Protein backbone atom coordinates (compact mmCIF):
# COMPACT_ATOMS: atom_id res chain seq x y z
CA MET A 1 -0.26 32.10 45.71
CA THR A 2 -2.38 33.96 48.06
CA LYS A 3 -5.08 31.81 49.87
CA HIS A 4 -8.49 32.70 50.24
CA ALA A 5 -10.56 31.61 53.21
CA THR A 6 -12.66 28.68 52.85
CA GLU A 7 -16.16 28.19 54.00
CA LEU A 8 -17.66 25.09 55.15
CA LEU A 9 -21.32 25.53 54.63
CA VAL A 10 -23.82 23.23 56.44
CA CYS A 11 -27.41 23.14 55.89
CA VAL A 12 -28.99 23.07 59.50
CA LYS A 13 -32.37 21.99 58.04
CA CYS A 14 -31.66 18.59 56.58
CA ARG A 15 -33.76 15.95 58.13
CA ARG A 16 -32.19 13.30 55.90
CA GLY A 17 -35.77 12.46 54.30
CA SER A 18 -37.55 11.89 57.58
CA ASP A 19 -39.58 13.86 59.97
CA ALA A 20 -38.19 16.28 62.31
CA PRO A 21 -37.03 14.62 65.26
CA GLU A 22 -39.08 14.64 68.34
CA ASP A 23 -36.08 16.62 70.19
CA GLY A 24 -36.32 19.10 67.29
CA ILE A 25 -32.85 18.92 66.70
CA ARG A 26 -32.59 18.10 62.85
CA PRO A 27 -29.35 15.99 61.73
CA GLY A 28 -28.12 19.03 59.68
CA GLN A 29 -27.99 21.20 62.89
CA ALA A 30 -26.43 18.10 64.64
CA LEU A 31 -23.88 17.97 62.26
CA HIS A 32 -23.28 21.81 62.47
CA ASP A 33 -23.13 21.64 66.17
CA ALA A 34 -20.48 18.66 66.17
CA LEU A 35 -18.52 20.40 63.49
CA SER A 36 -18.20 23.54 65.67
CA ALA A 37 -17.00 21.27 68.68
CA GLN A 38 -14.26 20.08 66.17
CA ASP A 39 -10.98 21.92 65.66
CA LEU A 40 -11.22 22.77 61.84
CA PRO A 41 -8.46 23.09 59.48
CA GLU A 42 -6.47 26.50 59.56
CA GLY A 43 -8.11 28.81 57.09
CA VAL A 44 -11.60 27.00 57.04
CA THR A 45 -14.65 28.61 58.81
CA LEU A 46 -17.73 26.82 59.49
CA ARG A 47 -20.99 28.85 58.65
CA ALA A 48 -24.62 27.28 59.04
CA VAL A 49 -27.08 27.88 56.14
CA GLU A 50 -30.55 27.37 56.13
CA CYS A 51 -31.30 24.85 53.22
CA LEU A 52 -29.16 23.51 50.30
CA GLN A 53 -32.18 21.96 48.64
CA ASN A 54 -30.93 18.24 49.02
CA CYS A 55 -33.50 17.38 51.63
CA ASP A 56 -33.86 13.64 50.96
CA ASN A 57 -30.54 12.84 50.43
CA GLY A 58 -28.65 12.91 53.93
CA CYS A 59 -26.98 16.01 55.40
CA SER A 60 -25.61 18.33 52.93
CA ILE A 61 -22.62 20.82 52.85
CA ALA A 62 -20.80 23.14 50.61
CA LEU A 63 -17.18 24.07 50.24
CA ARG A 64 -16.53 27.31 48.66
CA GLY A 65 -13.34 29.79 48.74
CA GLY A 66 -13.43 32.76 46.85
CA PRO A 67 -13.06 33.99 43.07
CA ASN A 68 -11.26 31.71 40.95
CA ARG A 69 -12.07 28.60 42.92
CA TRP A 70 -14.70 25.93 42.29
CA THR A 71 -17.38 25.27 44.64
CA TYR A 72 -18.58 21.80 45.63
CA VAL A 73 -21.84 20.65 47.23
CA TYR A 74 -21.76 17.11 48.86
CA GLY A 75 -24.70 14.86 50.53
CA ASN A 76 -25.61 11.84 52.28
CA LEU A 77 -23.69 12.88 55.19
CA ASP A 78 -24.26 11.70 58.74
CA GLU A 79 -23.95 13.74 61.66
CA THR A 80 -21.69 11.25 63.50
CA GLU A 81 -19.96 9.18 60.78
CA HIS A 82 -18.71 11.84 58.46
CA LEU A 83 -16.74 14.58 60.80
CA ALA A 84 -13.34 13.12 59.99
CA THR A 85 -14.15 13.20 56.32
CA LEU A 86 -15.59 16.61 56.45
CA THR A 87 -12.29 18.00 58.03
CA GLU A 88 -9.95 16.09 55.74
CA GLY A 89 -11.95 17.38 52.64
CA ALA A 90 -11.97 20.93 53.87
CA ALA A 91 -8.37 20.94 54.61
CA LEU A 92 -7.64 19.51 51.13
CA TYR A 93 -10.01 22.00 49.49
CA HIS A 94 -8.38 24.94 51.16
CA ASP A 95 -4.90 23.65 50.34
CA SER A 96 -5.67 23.43 46.62
CA ALA A 97 -5.12 26.37 44.15
CA ASP A 98 -8.19 26.40 42.48
CA GLY A 99 -10.61 24.25 44.69
CA LEU A 100 -10.19 21.04 42.57
CA ILE A 101 -9.04 18.18 44.80
CA PRO A 102 -7.42 15.48 42.67
CA TRP A 103 -9.50 12.71 42.35
CA ARG A 104 -7.24 10.19 43.76
CA THR A 105 -6.76 12.12 47.13
CA ARG A 106 -10.36 12.85 47.66
CA PRO A 107 -12.28 11.30 50.60
CA GLU A 108 -14.24 8.24 49.48
CA HIS A 109 -17.19 9.89 50.60
CA PHE A 110 -16.43 12.91 48.41
CA LYS A 111 -16.13 10.78 45.43
CA ARG A 112 -19.46 9.06 45.67
CA ASN A 113 -21.36 12.01 46.98
CA CYS A 114 -20.96 15.05 44.91
CA ILE A 115 -24.03 16.73 43.89
CA ALA A 116 -22.77 19.71 42.41
CA ARG A 117 -19.49 21.45 41.19
CA ILE A 118 -20.17 25.01 40.41
CA PRO A 119 -17.41 26.82 38.24
CA PRO A 120 -15.71 29.91 39.87
CA LEU A 121 -16.80 33.36 39.63
CA GLU A 122 -13.97 35.04 37.43
CA ASP A 123 -12.65 37.89 38.97
CA ASP A 124 -10.68 40.19 36.77
CA ASN A 125 -8.93 42.07 39.88
CA VAL A 126 -7.29 39.16 41.41
């Protein structure tokens, strides 16, 4: 099986439903910055995105991984509490054949805070 690269997309505009902080660093940006300081699982690339349209429900991320793989969007993330959850979840996603992480092996936060599961694009050339 050929593994596709996995992207961990982090909304850097997330404010967790509050006004922008006085220091100007939004929780979403702080989450991205904290993840960029971590060792991410092999094959996982971190990418900042402008908005995932989940503004009132914590920080939001998406995991996507190429053709024939499901994409997931998760929310209610905290920029300090969920770093290990995100790296664990990204590794499980990357290691799956189709992007589907079996329910029992998903991090607890992923079980309860999935915003969307998006079907894969079908690529006839794969």
